[in-house]
Amino acid sequence: MERLKKKLERVCVLGLLLSAVLTFSQCKKESPAPNDFPSVNDSHLSDSQSVVSNTTVVPLDLSNATVDEGFAFRISKNFGITGDSNSQPTISKLRIFEDGKELGAAHSTHASIRTTGKGKFSHWSNSLIFSTSDNSDPRKNGRKYTFTTGGTPGTVVPPTTPPTTPTTPPTGETGVAAQGLLGYAAENGITTGGKGGQTVTVSTLAALKSAAASSSPTIIQVSGTITGTGMINVSSNKSIIGLKGSKLNGVGLLLYTVNNVIIQNMTIANVVGGDAITIKESTHHVWVDHCDLSADKSHGWDYYDGLLDITNKSNYITVSWNKIHDSNIAMLIGAGYTNTDDKGTLKVTLYNNYFSNISERTPDAKFGSVHMFNNYFNQSAYVGAFMGATIRLENNYFKGSSLPVRTDLSSTPGVISGLSSNIFEASGANRITSSASTWEPTYTYKTAVIAAANVPSVVSAGAGATL
């Protein structure tokens, strides 16, 4: 009997121990430790699992999101970290989340974001180009988008199923599309600047002249303020990129019989004896992007030349996101009324540029084919089409322009296409002496066009040396 009693006691003790273990186990499952959550780099995440990050999650403001092209949307924003670049194509640590689930792959080419989408994105300089998980419009699909700027972007692989409505990427190699280039500089060839060459940083006039004259592909980063006079000759296959706070004071850039040049994020002011940027003599495939070009209007009309001139059979040029301001004569496309050999050349695209306080030439075009969309003209005149030049004006915004558009200064007027899509606020009458044209360029661009009413806010916020 005593022996049976001891056996029963042992059974009770074992039962109590087992009960305690089970209770403890259940408590752990209900309250997992932070390390029990899956890592953002875990390749086994299911569609229903959310990523948990130990960095601050910030809402992504979609108020200035615009359609880039295809499935891609663009947001201009300084995320406070270094973005990808030609020399460091995977340096960005930006991570994007859709309703808590990580999008990717990061560092994707812009061509693949546009044509495939499915969550791919790229943080390039101060621009985010991204797509949603199902290629819907993030501004309308009701989902919450957030970001973090720490850690390593997850290895999220988008579905391989091709989109149901694919779009055609811009002509040119991956390097061009990866930088978000649209328009003529991406047509009939490539514009990659100094891609593949050495990256150098210059802070003196002598160093800049030497690097710009090099015969090799070079990415030139300009640091600080460089003061001088005259023009710096720029050779082919160059990227000249201003670092934050940099400036050329009194000295401009001359592109003469060269090709494949990118000028980006440069501030150039008060050039005497030349333009801020001159593109001439059959120079082709040039992209001028996010620059700030200015002079002043206090010295009279003959003191300064223009800010940006494209002349003498130059071709396949794109001018985007620039702030062009405080000048009597801003921009020429085509030098003179007698330069008939310019016919068939001077193909130029201008989009998302901010013209402010300009007396004339925004631009003055002769003989060429010029496509202008989503530009903001604030207290600036005039867009002129002369000597048979064709200009398509699409969804631009003119505010306080005494004379927005004209064709009446030459014996042969130019022609205007798309005039009804523009907004003219508190502006004078146009002087158009030719029949309306229906011309538009054949390259892909329609999805990058925003409503004309949104142009002042979007362009004034994003144009200039903001990268």
Protein backbone atom coordinates (compact mmCIF):
# COMPACT_ATOMS: atom_id res chain seq x y z
CA MET A 1 0.00 0.00 0.00
CA GLU A 2 2.80 2.37 0.90
CA ARG A 3 4.54 1.56 -2.37
CA LEU A 4 1.36 2.37 -4.37
CA LYS A 5 1.01 5.69 -2.56
CA LYS A 6 4.55 6.76 -3.56
CA LYS A 7 3.90 5.88 -7.19
CA LEU A 8 0.78 8.04 -7.20
CA GLU A 9 2.76 10.97 -5.71
CA ARG A 10 5.39 10.70 -8.46
CA VAL A 11 2.68 10.71 -11.12
CA CYS A 12 1.16 13.87 -9.65
CA VAL A 13 4.53 15.64 -9.57
CA LEU A 14 5.22 14.71 -13.20
CA GLY A 15 1.76 15.94 -14.15
CA LEU A 16 2.34 19.29 -12.49
CA LEU A 17 5.71 19.68 -14.24
CA LEU A 18 4.17 18.83 -17.61
CA SER A 19 1.39 21.34 -17.03
CA ALA A 20 3.90 24.08 -16.22
CA VAL A 21 5.93 23.36 -19.35
CA LEU A 22 2.84 23.49 -21.55
CA THR A 23 1.69 26.75 -19.97
CA PHE A 24 5.11 28.36 -20.44
CA SER A 25 5.25 27.21 -24.06
CA GLN A 26 1.86 28.75 -24.79
CA CYS A 27 2.90 32.04 -23.24
CA LYS A 28 5.96 32.23 -25.52
CA LYS A 29 3.87 31.72 -28.65
CA GLU A 30 1.50 34.52 -27.69
CA SER A 31 4.31 37.01 -26.96
CA PRO A 32 7.26 36.32 -29.31
CA ALA A 33 10.52 38.11 -28.80
CA PRO A 34 11.52 40.73 -31.43
CA ASN A 35 14.13 38.42 -32.92
CA ASP A 36 11.43 35.86 -33.72
CA PHE A 37 10.07 38.10 -36.49
CA PRO A 38 11.37 37.26 -40.00
CA SER A 39 14.24 39.35 -41.28
CA VAL A 40 13.63 41.59 -44.30
CA ASN A 41 16.29 39.57 -46.09
CA ASP A 42 14.52 36.23 -45.52
CA SER A 43 13.72 34.79 -48.92
CA HIS A 44 10.91 32.62 -47.48
CA LEU A 45 8.51 35.48 -46.68
CA SER A 46 4.95 34.63 -47.72
CA ASP A 47 2.58 37.08 -49.36
CA SER A 48 0.71 37.49 -46.07
CA GLN A 49 3.78 38.30 -43.96
CA SER A 50 4.68 41.91 -43.21
CA VAL A 51 8.24 43.13 -42.84
CA VAL A 52 9.21 44.43 -39.41
CA SER A 53 12.06 46.93 -39.40
CA ASN A 54 14.06 48.29 -36.49
CA THR A 55 14.35 51.68 -38.27
CA THR A 56 11.83 54.52 -38.26
CA VAL A 57 8.96 54.00 -40.71
CA VAL A 58 7.91 57.26 -42.40
CA PRO A 59 4.81 57.82 -44.58
CA LEU A 60 5.63 58.40 -48.24
CA ASP A 61 4.03 61.66 -49.38
CA LEU A 62 2.30 61.02 -52.71
CA SER A 63 1.05 64.58 -53.17
CA ASN A 64 3.75 65.37 -55.74
CA ALA A 65 3.89 61.91 -57.31
CA THR A 66 3.69 62.09 -61.09
CA VAL A 67 3.50 59.50 -63.83
CA ASP A 68 6.99 58.94 -65.18
CA GLU A 69 6.35 56.45 -67.96
CA GLY A 70 4.73 53.04 -68.28
CA PHE A 71 4.23 51.61 -64.79
CA ALA A 72 6.69 54.02 -63.18
CA PHE A 73 5.82 56.94 -60.87
CA ARG A 74 8.24 59.66 -59.85
CA ILE A 75 8.60 61.53 -56.56
CA SER A 76 11.18 64.31 -56.18
CA LYS A 77 12.37 64.27 -52.57
CA ASN A 78 15.52 64.56 -50.50
CA PHE A 79 15.42 61.41 -48.37
CA GLY A 80 18.47 62.49 -46.37
CA ILE A 81 20.67 59.67 -47.66
CA THR A 82 22.89 59.19 -50.69
CA GLY A 83 21.03 58.04 -53.77
CA ASP A 84 22.34 55.77 -56.47
CA SER A 85 24.52 57.29 -59.19
CA ASN A 86 26.60 56.27 -62.18
CA SER A 87 29.62 55.67 -59.97
CA GLN A 88 27.69 54.05 -57.06
CA PRO A 89 24.67 52.30 -58.59
CA THR A 90 23.65 50.37 -55.44
CA ILE A 91 24.57 52.70 -52.57
CA SER A 92 21.05 53.78 -51.58
CA LYS A 93 19.59 52.20 -48.44
CA LEU A 94 16.06 53.39 -49.16
CA ARG A 95 13.37 50.76 -48.59
CA ILE A 96 9.77 51.13 -49.77
CA PHE A 97 6.76 49.38 -48.21
CA GLU A 98 3.21 48.90 -49.50
CA ASP A 99 0.75 48.27 -46.66
CA GLY A 100 3.71 47.08 -44.60
CA LYS A 101 5.13 44.68 -47.18
CA GLU A 102 8.47 45.50 -48.77
CA LEU A 103 8.62 46.38 -52.45
CA GLY A 104 11.55 45.52 -54.69
CA ALA A 105 13.87 44.83 -56.24
CA ALA A 106 15.71 48.02 -55.26
CA HIS A 107 18.27 49.61 -57.61
CA SER A 108 16.23 48.52 -60.65
CA THR A 109 16.80 50.18 -64.02
CA HIS A 110 14.20 52.74 -64.93
CA ALA A 111 13.46 50.80 -68.11
CA SER A 112 12.49 47.71 -66.10
CA ILE A 113 10.39 49.77 -63.68
CA ARG A 114 8.51 51.27 -66.62
CA THR A 115 7.98 48.09 -68.61
CA THR A 116 7.73 45.42 -65.89
CA GLY A 117 6.97 47.26 -62.66
CA LYS A 118 5.59 44.86 -60.01
CA GLY A 119 7.18 46.76 -57.12
CA LYS A 120 10.58 47.54 -58.64
CA PHE A 121 12.06 50.90 -57.68
CA SER A 122 15.14 53.10 -57.89
CA HIS A 123 16.36 55.88 -55.61
CA TRP A 124 18.49 57.89 -58.01
CA SER A 125 19.94 61.16 -56.63
CA ASN A 126 16.90 62.97 -55.17
CA SER A 127 14.27 61.14 -57.19
CA LEU A 128 12.34 57.99 -56.37
CA ILE A 129 11.11 56.06 -59.41
CA PHE A 130 8.86 53.24 -58.25
CA SER A 131 6.04 50.91 -59.21
CA THR A 132 3.33 49.30 -57.12
CA SER A 133 3.04 45.55 -56.54
CA ASP A 134 0.28 45.19 -59.13
CA ASN A 135 1.18 48.20 -61.33
CA SER A 136 -1.82 50.19 -60.12
CA ASP A 137 -1.75 53.94 -59.51
CA PRO A 138 -0.45 54.54 -55.93
CA ARG A 139 -2.42 57.79 -55.77
CA LYS A 140 -5.72 55.96 -56.30
CA ASN A 141 -5.39 52.38 -55.07
CA GLY A 142 -6.04 53.22 -51.40
CA ARG A 143 -2.89 51.60 -50.05
CA LYS A 144 -0.44 53.06 -47.56
CA TYR A 145 3.14 53.61 -48.71
CA THR A 146 5.98 54.09 -46.25
CA PHE A 147 9.76 54.08 -46.30
CA THR A 148 12.81 53.61 -44.14
CA THR A 149 16.37 54.74 -44.78
CA GLY A 150 18.33 52.19 -42.78
CA GLY A 151 19.46 48.63 -43.17
CA THR A 152 19.72 46.81 -46.49
CA PRO A 153 16.93 46.78 -49.09
CA GLY A 154 15.22 43.41 -49.07
CA THR A 155 15.83 40.86 -51.76
CA VAL A 156 12.19 40.94 -52.86
CA VAL A 157 11.84 39.40 -56.31
CA PRO A 158 8.83 40.62 -58.28
CA PRO A 159 6.66 38.15 -60.19
CA THR A 160 8.01 37.10 -63.59
CA THR A 161 4.59 37.26 -65.25
CA PRO A 162 4.77 39.95 -67.93
CA PRO A 163 2.44 42.96 -67.58
CA THR A 164 -0.82 42.85 -69.44
CA THR A 165 -0.25 46.25 -71.05
CA PRO A 166 3.49 46.59 -71.69
CA THR A 167 4.94 49.86 -72.83
CA THR A 168 7.92 50.58 -75.03
CA PRO A 169 10.99 51.89 -73.18
CA PRO A 170 12.88 54.88 -74.58
CA THR A 171 15.44 54.22 -77.28
CA GLY A 172 18.97 53.85 -75.96
CA GLU A 173 20.92 51.54 -73.72
CA THR A 174 20.14 50.73 -70.11
CA GLY A 175 22.40 53.49 -68.81
CA VAL A 176 20.18 56.12 -70.36
CA ALA A 177 16.91 54.72 -69.10
CA ALA A 178 18.36 54.22 -65.64
CA GLN A 179 18.83 57.98 -65.37
CA GLY A 180 15.22 58.80 -66.34
CA LEU A 181 16.02 60.44 -69.66
CA LEU A 182 13.14 61.22 -72.02
CA GLY A 183 12.89 62.98 -75.33
CA TYR A 184 15.23 63.55 -78.24
CA ALA A 185 18.48 62.91 -76.35
CA ALA A 186 17.32 59.28 -76.02
CA GLU A 187 16.54 58.93 -79.74
CA ASN A 188 18.61 57.84 -82.73
CA GLY A 189 21.55 56.91 -80.53
CA ILE A 190 22.46 57.10 -76.88
CA THR A 191 23.29 59.76 -74.31
CA THR A 192 25.23 58.28 -71.41
CA GLY A 193 27.77 61.04 -70.77
CA GLY A 194 30.88 59.83 -68.98
CA LYS A 195 29.42 56.46 -68.04
CA GLY A 196 32.15 53.85 -67.64
CA GLY A 197 34.89 56.41 -67.22
CA GLN A 198 36.82 57.71 -64.26
CA THR A 199 35.03 59.86 -61.66
CA VAL A 200 36.93 62.99 -60.64
CA THR A 201 36.02 65.83 -58.30
CA VAL A 202 37.21 69.33 -59.18
CA SER A 203 37.15 72.55 -57.17
CA THR A 204 39.30 74.91 -59.28
CA LEU A 205 38.90 76.41 -62.72
CA ALA A 206 42.12 74.80 -63.97
CA ALA A 207 41.07 71.36 -62.79
CA LEU A 208 37.63 71.70 -64.38
CA LYS A 209 39.11 72.80 -67.71
CA SER A 210 41.55 69.91 -67.70
CA ALA A 211 38.92 67.29 -66.87
CA ALA A 212 36.41 68.67 -69.38
CA ALA A 213 39.01 68.61 -72.17
CA SER A 214 40.03 64.99 -71.54
CA SER A 215 39.67 62.63 -74.50
CA SER A 216 38.43 59.82 -72.23
CA PRO A 217 34.91 59.28 -70.85
CA THR A 218 34.81 61.10 -67.51
CA ILE A 219 32.29 61.81 -64.77
CA ILE A 220 33.23 65.24 -63.40
CA GLN A 221 31.87 66.30 -60.04
CA VAL A 222 32.08 70.03 -59.39
CA SER A 223 32.63 71.10 -55.78
CA GLY A 224 32.38 74.57 -54.26
CA THR A 225 32.29 77.88 -56.14
CA ILE A 226 34.51 78.26 -59.19
CA THR A 227 34.91 81.82 -60.46
CA GLY A 228 36.29 82.83 -63.83
CA THR A 229 35.51 84.37 -67.20
CA GLY A 230 34.86 83.03 -70.67
CA MET A 231 33.89 79.51 -71.66
CA ILE A 232 35.15 76.03 -70.76
CA ASN A 233 35.44 73.63 -73.71
CA VAL A 234 33.71 70.33 -73.01
CA SER A 235 34.78 67.23 -74.95
CA SER A 236 32.60 64.26 -75.90
CA ASN A 237 31.57 61.53 -73.45
CA LYS A 238 31.41 63.69 -70.35
CA SER A 239 29.08 64.00 -67.38
CA ILE A 240 29.48 67.29 -65.53
CA ILE A 241 27.56 67.05 -62.27
CA GLY A 242 27.41 69.75 -59.61
CA LEU A 243 27.68 68.61 -56.03
CA LYS A 244 25.37 70.23 -53.48
CA GLY A 245 26.17 73.93 -53.08
CA SER A 246 28.48 74.12 -56.10
CA LYS A 247 28.46 77.00 -58.56
CA LEU A 248 30.16 78.36 -61.67
CA ASN A 249 30.32 82.13 -61.35
CA GLY A 250 31.13 84.11 -64.51
CA VAL A 251 32.26 81.13 -66.57
CA GLY A 252 30.15 78.98 -68.90
CA LEU A 253 30.31 75.63 -70.68
CA LEU A 254 30.91 75.34 -74.45
CA LEU A 255 29.96 72.20 -76.39
CA TYR A 256 31.40 72.57 -79.90
CA THR A 257 31.29 69.71 -82.45
CA VAL A 258 31.01 67.10 -79.67
CA ASN A 259 28.47 64.46 -78.64
CA ASN A 260 27.22 62.41 -75.69
CA VAL A 261 27.35 64.96 -72.88
CA ILE A 262 25.29 65.19 -69.68
CA ILE A 263 25.23 68.43 -67.66
CA GLN A 264 23.37 67.96 -64.40
CA ASN A 265 22.76 69.81 -61.14
CA MET A 266 24.99 72.72 -62.18
CA THR A 267 24.42 76.29 -61.01
CA ILE A 268 25.86 78.74 -63.57
CA ALA A 269 25.45 82.50 -63.21
CA ASN A 270 26.56 85.85 -64.62
CA VAL A 271 28.60 84.70 -67.62
CA VAL A 272 29.97 87.68 -69.57
CA GLY A 273 31.07 87.16 -73.17
CA GLY A 274 29.20 83.89 -73.65
CA ASP A 275 26.22 81.82 -72.60
CA ALA A 276 25.86 79.83 -69.42
CA ILE A 277 25.72 76.80 -71.74
CA THR A 278 26.39 76.90 -75.50
CA ILE A 279 25.62 73.88 -77.71
CA LYS A 280 26.64 74.43 -81.33
CA GLU A 281 28.19 73.24 -84.60
CA SER A 282 26.57 69.82 -85.09
CA THR A 283 26.87 68.83 -81.43
CA HIS A 284 24.43 66.02 -80.73
CA HIS A 285 23.01 63.88 -77.93
CA VAL A 286 23.17 66.25 -74.99
CA TRP A 287 21.09 66.18 -71.81
CA VAL A 288 20.89 69.31 -69.63
CA ASP A 289 19.05 68.39 -66.45
CA HIS A 290 18.29 69.99 -63.06
CA CYS A 291 20.51 73.02 -63.61
CA ASP A 292 20.09 76.60 -62.37
CA LEU A 293 21.00 79.16 -65.06
CA SER A 294 20.77 82.90 -64.45
CA ALA A 295 22.19 86.37 -65.01
CA ASP A 296 20.51 89.61 -63.98
CA LYS A 297 18.44 92.29 -65.70
CA SER A 298 20.11 95.32 -64.12
CA HIS A 299 23.07 95.60 -66.54
CA GLY A 300 21.08 96.22 -69.72
CA TRP A 301 20.33 94.06 -72.74
CA ASP A 302 23.84 93.92 -74.20
CA TYR A 303 25.85 93.11 -71.09
CA TYR A 304 25.11 89.37 -70.94
CA ASP A 305 24.49 86.86 -73.71
CA GLY A 306 21.90 84.11 -73.36
CA LEU A 307 21.58 81.37 -70.77
CA LEU A 308 21.24 78.32 -73.04
CA ASP A 309 21.78 78.39 -76.81
CA ILE A 310 21.39 75.40 -79.15
CA THR A 311 22.45 76.36 -82.66
CA ASN A 312 24.15 75.49 -85.97
CA LYS A 313 22.80 72.01 -86.81
CA SER A 314 23.00 70.69 -83.26
CA ASN A 315 20.58 67.82 -82.73
CA TYR A 316 18.97 65.34 -80.31
CA ILE A 317 18.95 67.50 -77.20
CA THR A 318 16.86 67.16 -74.03
CA VAL A 319 16.50 70.02 -71.52
CA SER A 320 14.66 68.95 -68.36
CA TRP A 321 13.90 70.19 -64.83
CA ASN A 322 16.01 73.35 -65.12
CA LYS A 323 15.41 76.73 -63.48
CA ILE A 324 16.15 79.42 -66.06
CA HIS A 325 15.70 82.86 -64.58
CA ASP A 326 16.53 86.58 -64.39
CA SER A 327 17.66 87.26 -67.93
CA ASN A 328 16.64 89.50 -70.79
CA ILE A 329 17.40 86.87 -73.46
CA ALA A 330 17.19 83.32 -72.15
CA MET A 331 17.35 80.71 -74.89
CA LEU A 332 17.92 80.29 -78.61
CA ILE A 333 17.26 77.22 -80.72
CA GLY A 334 18.72 78.11 -84.11
CA ALA A 335 21.07 81.04 -84.51
CA GLY A 336 19.73 83.20 -87.30
CA TYR A 337 17.07 83.73 -89.94
CA THR A 338 19.50 82.89 -92.77
CA ASN A 339 20.85 79.61 -91.37
CA THR A 340 18.82 77.46 -93.75
CA ASP A 341 21.20 74.50 -93.33
CA ASP A 342 19.64 74.04 -89.88
CA LYS A 343 16.61 72.47 -91.57
CA GLY A 344 16.19 68.86 -90.55
CA THR A 345 18.20 69.31 -87.35
CA LEU A 346 17.63 71.14 -84.04
CA LYS A 347 15.43 68.38 -82.60
CA VAL A 348 14.99 69.49 -78.98
CA THR A 349 12.80 68.38 -76.07
CA LEU A 350 12.10 70.73 -73.16
CA TYR A 351 10.06 69.48 -70.22
CA ASN A 352 9.46 70.43 -66.58
CA ASN A 353 11.57 73.58 -66.82
CA TYR A 354 10.86 76.73 -64.79
CA PHE A 355 11.30 80.01 -66.69
CA SER A 356 11.11 82.99 -64.32
CA ASN A 357 11.56 86.73 -64.92
CA ILE A 358 12.64 86.40 -68.56
CA SER A 359 12.14 89.24 -71.05
CA GLU A 360 12.45 87.23 -74.30
CA ARG A 361 13.29 83.83 -75.82
CA THR A 362 11.81 80.99 -73.79
CA PRO A 363 12.91 79.83 -76.38
CA ASP A 364 13.23 81.62 -79.71
CA ALA A 365 13.27 78.73 -82.24
CA LYS A 366 14.12 78.76 -85.95
CA PHE A 367 13.95 75.87 -88.44
CA GLY A 368 13.92 73.11 -85.79
CA SER A 369 11.40 70.67 -84.29
CA VAL A 370 10.84 71.48 -80.63
CA HIS A 371 8.67 69.58 -78.17
CA MET A 372 7.76 71.42 -74.95
CA PHE A 373 5.60 69.92 -72.22
CA ASN A 374 4.90 70.72 -68.56
CA ASN A 375 7.06 73.85 -68.49
CA TYR A 376 6.17 76.71 -66.15
CA PHE A 377 6.53 80.28 -67.44
CA ASN A 378 6.28 82.80 -64.60
CA GLN A 379 6.50 86.46 -65.66
CA SER A 380 8.32 85.37 -68.79
CA ALA A 381 7.95 85.89 -72.55
CA TYR A 382 7.95 84.52 -75.22
CA VAL A 383 7.94 81.11 -76.92
CA GLY A 384 8.65 81.95 -80.55
CA ALA A 385 8.43 79.78 -83.67
CA PHE A 386 10.10 81.38 -86.67
CA MET A 387 11.44 80.43 -90.12
CA GLY A 388 9.30 77.32 -90.35
CA ALA A 389 10.18 75.96 -86.91
CA THR A 390 7.58 73.60 -85.46
CA ILE A 391 6.85 73.74 -81.73
CA ARG A 392 4.49 71.44 -79.90
CA LEU A 393 3.30 73.15 -76.72
CA GLU A 394 1.69 70.56 -74.48
CA ASN A 395 0.28 71.13 -70.98
CA ASN A 396 2.46 74.12 -70.18
CA TYR A 397 1.46 76.89 -67.76
CA PHE A 398 1.94 80.59 -68.52
CA LYS A 399 1.46 83.04 -65.65
CA GLY A 400 1.75 86.82 -66.04
CA SER A 401 3.26 86.57 -69.52
CA SER A 402 2.76 89.73 -71.55
CA LEU A 403 3.23 87.77 -74.79
CA PRO A 404 3.20 84.00 -74.31
CA VAL A 405 3.51 82.64 -77.87
CA ARG A 406 4.36 84.23 -81.19
CA THR A 407 5.20 83.34 -84.79
CA ASP A 408 5.29 86.85 -86.29
CA LEU A 409 8.96 87.93 -86.27
CA SER A 410 10.17 86.36 -89.51
CA SER A 411 9.17 86.38 -93.17
CA THR A 412 8.24 82.71 -92.83
CA PRO A 413 6.35 82.05 -89.61
CA GLY A 414 6.74 78.91 -87.60
CA VAL A 415 3.84 76.70 -86.56
CA ILE A 416 2.39 75.73 -83.19
CA SER A 417 0.87 72.40 -82.19
CA GLY A 418 -1.18 71.58 -79.10
CA LEU A 419 -1.96 75.17 -78.09
CA SER A 420 -5.35 74.40 -76.51
CA SER A 421 -3.78 72.12 -73.88
CA ASN A 422 -1.93 75.01 -72.21
CA ILE A 423 -3.09 77.35 -69.44
CA PHE A 424 -2.65 81.11 -69.75
CA GLU A 425 -3.19 82.93 -66.44
CA ALA A 426 -3.20 86.74 -66.33
CA SER A 427 -1.33 86.78 -69.64
CA GLY A 428 -1.52 88.82 -72.81
CA ALA A 429 -2.68 87.65 -76.23
CA ASN A 430 -0.66 85.35 -78.44
CA ARG A 431 0.54 86.50 -81.86
CA ILE A 432 0.17 83.43 -84.05
CA THR A 433 0.18 84.10 -87.78
CA SER A 434 0.12 80.53 -89.10
CA SER A 435 -2.38 77.70 -89.18
CA ALA A 436 -2.42 75.27 -86.28
CA SER A 437 -0.27 72.16 -86.63
CA THR A 438 -1.03 68.62 -85.45
CA TRP A 439 2.62 67.57 -85.19
CA GLU A 440 3.88 65.61 -82.22
CA PRO A 441 7.08 63.62 -81.76
CA THR A 442 7.09 59.85 -82.27
CA TYR A 443 9.00 58.91 -79.10
CA THR A 444 7.29 57.55 -75.98
CA TYR A 445 6.37 60.27 -73.49
CA LYS A 446 2.60 60.50 -72.93
CA THR A 447 2.57 58.92 -69.48
CA ALA A 448 5.10 61.51 -68.26
CA VAL A 449 2.74 64.41 -69.04
CA ILE A 450 0.89 65.84 -66.02
CA ALA A 451 -2.15 68.10 -65.99
CA ALA A 452 -1.31 71.69 -66.86
CA ALA A 453 -3.02 72.90 -63.68
CA ASN A 454 -0.47 70.98 -61.58
CA VAL A 455 2.58 72.33 -63.38
CA PRO A 456 3.30 75.40 -61.16
CA SER A 457 3.45 73.40 -57.93
CA VAL A 458 5.29 70.37 -59.30
CA VAL A 459 7.84 72.23 -61.41
CA SER A 460 8.62 75.04 -58.97
CA ALA A 461 9.29 72.41 -56.29
CA GLY A 462 11.49 70.16 -58.40
CA ALA A 463 13.28 72.31 -60.98
CA GLY A 464 16.81 73.63 -60.56
CA ALA A 465 19.92 72.29 -58.87
CA THR A 466 17.96 70.24 -56.37
CA LEU A 467 19.76 66.90 -56.68
